Protein backbone atom coordinates (compact mmCIF):
# COMPACT_ATOMS: atom_id res chain seq x y z
CA MET A 1 35.34 -26.88 16.10
CA VAL A 2 34.01 -24.10 18.28
CA THR A 3 32.64 -22.02 15.43
CA ARG A 4 30.76 -24.81 13.69
CA GLU A 5 29.25 -26.10 16.94
CA ALA A 6 28.04 -22.64 17.89
CA SER A 7 26.54 -22.07 14.45
CA SER A 8 24.34 -25.17 14.80
CA LEU A 9 22.78 -24.48 18.21
CA ARG A 10 19.86 -22.40 16.99
CA MET A 11 19.07 -24.80 14.17
CA PHE A 12 19.22 -27.85 16.43
CA GLY A 13 16.71 -26.20 18.75
CA PHE A 14 14.33 -25.80 15.84
CA LEU A 15 14.91 -29.38 14.68
CA LYS A 16 14.19 -30.71 18.18
CA LYS A 17 10.84 -28.92 18.25
CA LEU A 18 10.08 -30.18 14.75
CA LEU A 19 10.86 -33.74 15.81
CA ILE A 20 8.45 -33.50 18.75
CA PHE A 21 5.74 -32.08 16.48
CA LEU A 22 6.14 -34.81 13.87
CA GLN A 23 6.09 -37.51 16.53
CA PHE A 24 2.84 -36.02 17.81
CA LEU A 25 1.38 -36.14 14.29
CA SER A 26 2.46 -39.74 13.82
CA LYS A 27 0.46 -40.74 16.88
CA ARG A 28 -2.61 -38.66 16.12
CA CYS A 29 -2.99 -38.69 12.39
CA GLU A 30 -5.01 -41.43 10.65
CA SER A 31 -3.05 -41.00 7.43
CA PRO A 32 -1.00 -44.10 6.56
CA ILE A 33 1.93 -41.81 5.81
CA PHE A 34 2.13 -40.47 9.34
CA ALA A 35 0.90 -43.70 10.89
CA GLY A 36 3.88 -45.53 9.39
CA MET A 37 6.41 -42.97 10.52
CA LYS A 38 8.88 -44.23 13.12
CA THR A 39 11.34 -42.25 15.14
CA THR A 40 14.20 -43.48 12.96
CA GLY A 41 12.45 -42.18 9.88
CA LEU A 42 11.93 -38.80 11.49
CA LEU A 43 15.56 -38.65 12.50
CA PHE A 44 16.59 -39.43 8.93
CA PHE A 45 14.41 -36.57 7.73
CA LEU A 46 15.92 -34.19 10.28
CA VAL A 47 19.49 -35.19 9.46
CA PHE A 48 18.75 -34.54 5.79
CA PHE A 49 17.15 -31.21 6.72
CA GLY A 50 20.16 -30.31 8.86
CA ILE A 51 22.61 -31.11 6.08
CA THR A 52 20.62 -28.91 3.71
CA PHE A 53 20.77 -26.10 6.26
CA LYS A 54 24.51 -26.45 6.80
CA SER A 55 25.17 -26.16 3.08
CA THR A 56 23.91 -22.59 3.09
CA ALA A 57 25.84 -19.48 4.10
CA GLN A 58 25.97 -18.55 7.77
CA LEU A 59 26.34 -15.22 9.57
CA LYS A 60 26.81 -15.06 13.31
CA PRO A 61 28.38 -12.92 16.05
CA ILE A 62 31.57 -14.11 17.77
CA TYR A 63 32.50 -12.94 21.25
CA SER A 64 35.54 -13.52 23.49
CA GLN A 65 37.50 -15.40 20.82
CA ALA A 66 39.74 -12.51 19.73
CA ASP A 67 40.66 -9.00 20.86
CA TYR A 68 37.57 -7.65 19.07
CA ALA A 69 34.06 -9.05 18.93
CA PHE A 70 33.17 -9.63 15.28
CA TRP A 71 30.67 -10.87 12.75
CA LEU A 72 31.64 -14.09 11.02
CA HIS A 73 30.17 -15.02 7.64
CA LEU A 74 30.75 -18.54 6.38
CA PRO A 75 30.03 -19.29 2.73
CA ALA A 76 28.23 -22.44 1.62
CA ASP A 77 29.99 -25.68 2.54
CA SER A 78 31.03 -26.32 -1.05
CA ILE A 79 33.09 -23.11 -0.91
CA LEU A 80 34.19 -23.51 2.71
CA LYS A 81 35.67 -26.94 1.92
CA ALA A 82 37.71 -25.55 -1.00
CA LYS A 83 40.10 -23.24 0.93
CA PRO A 84 38.18 -19.96 0.54
CA PRO A 85 39.79 -16.53 0.83
CA VAL A 86 39.31 -14.24 3.83
CA LEU A 87 37.79 -10.76 3.64
CA ILE A 88 38.17 -8.38 6.59
CA PHE A 89 35.81 -5.40 6.79
CA LEU A 90 36.78 -2.50 9.07
CA HIS A 91 33.97 -0.05 9.83
CA GLY A 92 34.05 3.72 10.28
CA LYS A 93 33.65 5.74 13.48
CA SER A 94 29.85 5.94 13.30
CA LEU A 95 29.60 2.17 13.77
CA SER A 96 31.89 2.08 16.81
CA GLY A 97 30.77 0.77 20.17
CA THR A 98 29.93 -2.52 21.83
CA ASP A 99 26.72 -3.35 19.94
CA LEU A 100 27.64 -5.55 16.99
CA THR A 101 24.34 -4.85 15.25
CA ARG A 102 25.69 -1.37 14.45
CA VAL A 103 28.22 -2.96 12.11
CA LYS A 104 25.32 -4.05 9.90
CA ARG A 105 24.34 -0.48 9.04
CA TYR A 106 26.52 -0.26 5.96
CA GLY A 107 29.38 -2.06 4.31
CA VAL A 108 30.13 -5.70 3.63
CA ILE A 109 27.87 -7.23 6.30
CA SER A 110 24.97 -5.04 5.17
CA GLU A 111 25.53 -6.27 1.62
CA ILE A 112 25.55 -9.91 2.75
CA GLU A 113 22.24 -9.41 4.57
CA LYS A 114 20.78 -7.89 1.41
CA GLY A 115 21.66 -11.04 -0.50
CA ARG A 116 25.13 -10.47 -1.92
CA LYS A 117 27.00 -13.75 -2.28
CA ILE A 118 30.62 -13.35 -1.26
CA PRO A 119 32.66 -16.53 -1.81
CA ALA A 120 34.87 -15.97 1.21
CA VAL A 121 35.04 -16.21 4.96
CA VAL A 122 34.13 -12.66 5.96
CA VAL A 123 34.95 -11.12 9.33
CA ALA A 124 33.76 -7.70 10.48
CA PRO A 125 35.16 -6.75 13.89
CA GLN A 126 33.90 -3.86 15.98
CA THR A 127 36.05 -1.35 17.81
CA SER A 128 35.07 1.33 20.28
CA ASN A 129 38.24 3.42 19.98
CA GLY A 130 40.09 3.26 16.67
CA TRP A 131 41.71 0.26 14.97
CA ASP A 132 44.71 -1.55 16.42
CA PRO A 133 46.34 -3.72 13.73
CA ILE A 134 47.54 -6.20 16.35
CA LYS A 135 43.96 -6.72 17.52
CA VAL A 136 42.74 -7.04 13.94
CA MET A 137 45.38 -9.73 13.46
CA SER A 138 43.90 -11.64 16.42
CA VAL A 139 40.63 -11.90 14.47
CA LEU A 140 42.46 -13.18 11.39
CA SER A 141 44.35 -15.66 13.58
CA PHE A 142 41.05 -17.02 14.87
CA VAL A 143 39.89 -17.64 11.31
CA LYS A 144 43.14 -19.34 10.32
CA LYS A 145 43.02 -21.55 13.41
CA ASN A 146 39.42 -22.67 12.94
CA PHE A 147 39.04 -22.88 9.17
CA ASP A 148 41.09 -24.19 6.27
CA VAL A 149 41.38 -20.91 4.37
CA ASP A 150 43.69 -19.73 1.61
CA THR A 151 46.26 -17.68 3.52
CA ASN A 152 47.55 -16.26 0.25
CA ARG A 153 44.18 -14.61 -0.37
CA VAL A 154 43.52 -12.37 2.64
CA TYR A 155 41.83 -9.07 1.75
CA VAL A 156 41.03 -5.97 3.78
CA VAL A 157 38.55 -3.18 3.07
CA GLY A 158 37.50 -0.23 5.20
CA MET A 159 35.89 3.19 5.06
CA SER A 160 36.74 6.41 6.92
CA MET A 161 38.26 5.31 10.25
CA GLY A 162 38.17 1.84 8.69
CA GLY A 163 40.17 3.22 5.76
CA TYR A 164 42.88 4.26 8.20
CA GLY A 165 42.59 0.86 9.87
CA THR A 166 42.96 -0.91 6.54
CA LEU A 167 46.17 0.92 5.63
CA ASN A 168 47.55 0.57 9.16
CA PHE A 169 46.93 -3.18 9.09
CA ALA A 170 48.37 -3.64 5.59
CA GLY A 171 51.29 -1.40 6.54
CA LYS A 172 52.15 -3.48 9.59
CA TYR A 173 51.46 -6.89 8.03
CA PRO A 174 52.06 -6.52 4.28
CA GLU A 175 53.16 -10.16 4.06
CA HIS A 176 49.66 -11.26 5.10
CA VAL A 177 47.58 -9.07 2.76
CA ALA A 178 46.89 -10.02 -0.86
CA ALA A 179 45.10 -6.72 -1.60
CA ALA A 180 43.26 -3.92 0.19
CA VAL A 181 40.79 -1.11 -0.49
CA ALA A 182 40.81 2.05 1.63
CA LEU A 183 37.90 4.46 1.23
CA CYS A 184 38.12 8.11 2.39
CA GLY A 185 40.78 7.41 5.01
CA GLY A 186 44.50 7.87 5.33
CA GLY A 187 47.61 6.16 6.63
CA ASN A 188 51.01 6.48 8.27
CA ILE A 189 53.65 7.89 5.94
CA LYS A 190 56.26 5.68 7.62
CA ASP A 191 54.37 2.65 6.27
CA GLY A 192 54.73 3.86 2.69
CA CYS A 193 57.30 1.31 1.55
CA ASN A 194 55.48 -1.60 3.19
CA LEU A 195 52.23 -0.51 1.56
CA ALA A 196 54.02 -0.19 -1.78
CA THR A 197 54.35 -3.99 -1.86
CA VAL A 198 50.59 -4.57 -1.53
CA PRO A 199 48.02 -4.07 -4.31
CA LEU A 200 46.01 -1.11 -3.00
CA TRP A 201 43.00 0.79 -4.25
CA ILE A 202 42.72 4.09 -2.43
CA GLN A 203 39.62 6.20 -3.08
CA HIS A 204 38.64 9.62 -1.79
CA GLY A 205 36.04 12.25 -2.64
CA THR A 206 37.32 15.68 -3.63
CA MET A 207 34.56 17.37 -1.59
CA ASP A 208 35.07 15.32 1.59
CA GLN A 209 34.64 17.65 4.59
CA ALA A 210 34.98 14.97 7.28
CA VAL A 211 38.34 13.57 6.18
CA PRO A 212 40.06 15.85 3.67
CA ILE A 213 41.39 14.26 0.51
CA SER A 214 44.86 15.44 1.53
CA GLU A 215 44.93 12.50 3.98
CA SER A 216 44.85 10.02 1.12
CA GLU A 217 47.15 12.16 -1.03
CA LYS A 218 49.86 12.07 1.65
CA ILE A 219 49.96 8.28 1.80
CA VAL A 220 49.73 8.03 -2.01
CA ARG A 221 52.87 10.20 -2.29
CA ALA A 222 54.67 8.08 0.34
CA ILE A 223 53.86 4.91 -1.61
CA LYS A 224 54.92 6.40 -4.94
CA ASN A 225 58.20 7.58 -3.42
CA CYS A 226 59.07 3.91 -2.74
CA ASN A 227 58.33 2.18 -6.03
CA GLY A 228 56.46 4.65 -8.20
CA GLY A 229 53.13 3.21 -7.12
CA GLU A 230 53.37 0.11 -9.31
CA ASN A 231 50.84 -1.73 -7.11
CA LEU A 232 48.68 1.33 -6.41
CA LYS A 233 45.35 2.36 -7.87
CA TYR A 234 44.26 5.82 -6.73
CA THR A 235 40.85 7.29 -7.50
CA ALA A 236 39.93 10.88 -6.65
CA LEU A 237 36.15 11.04 -7.03
CA LYS A 238 35.28 14.49 -8.31
CA GLY A 239 32.49 16.17 -6.35
CA ALA A 240 32.02 13.25 -3.95
CA ASP A 241 31.64 13.88 -0.22
CA HIS A 242 32.47 11.59 2.69
CA GLY A 243 29.29 9.52 2.71
CA ASP A 244 29.29 9.01 -1.06
CA LEU A 245 32.04 6.41 -0.79
CA GLU A 246 29.65 3.99 0.96
CA LYS A 247 28.13 3.11 -2.40
CA MET A 248 31.33 1.28 -3.35
CA PHE A 249 30.29 -1.61 -1.10
CA ARG A 250 27.21 -1.99 -3.29
CA THR A 251 29.23 -2.49 -6.48
CA ASP A 252 30.57 -5.70 -7.97
CA GLU A 253 33.68 -3.80 -8.99
CA LEU A 254 35.09 -3.59 -5.46
CA TYR A 255 34.93 -7.36 -4.83
CA THR A 256 36.07 -8.29 -8.33
CA TRP A 257 39.09 -6.02 -8.01
CA LEU A 258 40.10 -7.46 -4.61
CA PHE A 259 39.64 -11.13 -5.45
CA GLN A 260 41.77 -11.00 -8.59
CA PHE A 261 44.92 -10.89 -6.45
CA THR A 262 46.75 -13.82 -4.91
CA LYS A 263 49.85 -13.40 -2.81
CA GLN A 264 52.77 -15.57 -3.80
CA ALA A 265 53.22 -18.47 -1.41
CA GLN A 266 55.92 -17.74 1.14
CA GLU A 267 58.91 -20.02 1.44
């Protein structure tokens, strides 16, 4: 598989250097331990070392495999082999561009780098000009093609421009989304009835000057007009401004809320 081969290249380079070093020691060292070491023994050690490495979580950039470049986080093998869910993180405008390292500034990938364990395949694409749900779907398609994931547990979360992207994606592909969280964004009113079928948590600060809370209120009304908002959770954060919503990525509550949902298997 392309993804798993690429993820091993850096580690194999290190293992090759380690093998050369240990072979050097076995020839130079007087110790019976090293003196008795043979190449086969070293290889056994390195294979064991490599397996230990592969059992840990992995984070790497992926280019030219979908319509967006993206970060890919793989959980430990024990989780990866058990049909894990998929979490898509869509960033805001400030992280736009062609330098993927910008996507690490805040959000899900930042949390992973700080040590948060997310039991899912996580993808964080980067856009330079707004979110196109069709292009986001190409990233999800890559994951489905290359990994045995639970297609009934696909989640989306985004902030600001990523909040719009989250609702646009869920609005276009409601049959693919188990649940979504949109922070200080908005959506297309015409998608209201599609969004009404998806468990959604929409949050917005009442003092947001960058994206007024009316943007979320409009889509909330459109959803409620379809089914009364039976799948909707709406939180207006009193006194919060635009940047305050970033702290949600640092809470357990966001991930716990998302992962509780499973979409019913389609016929």
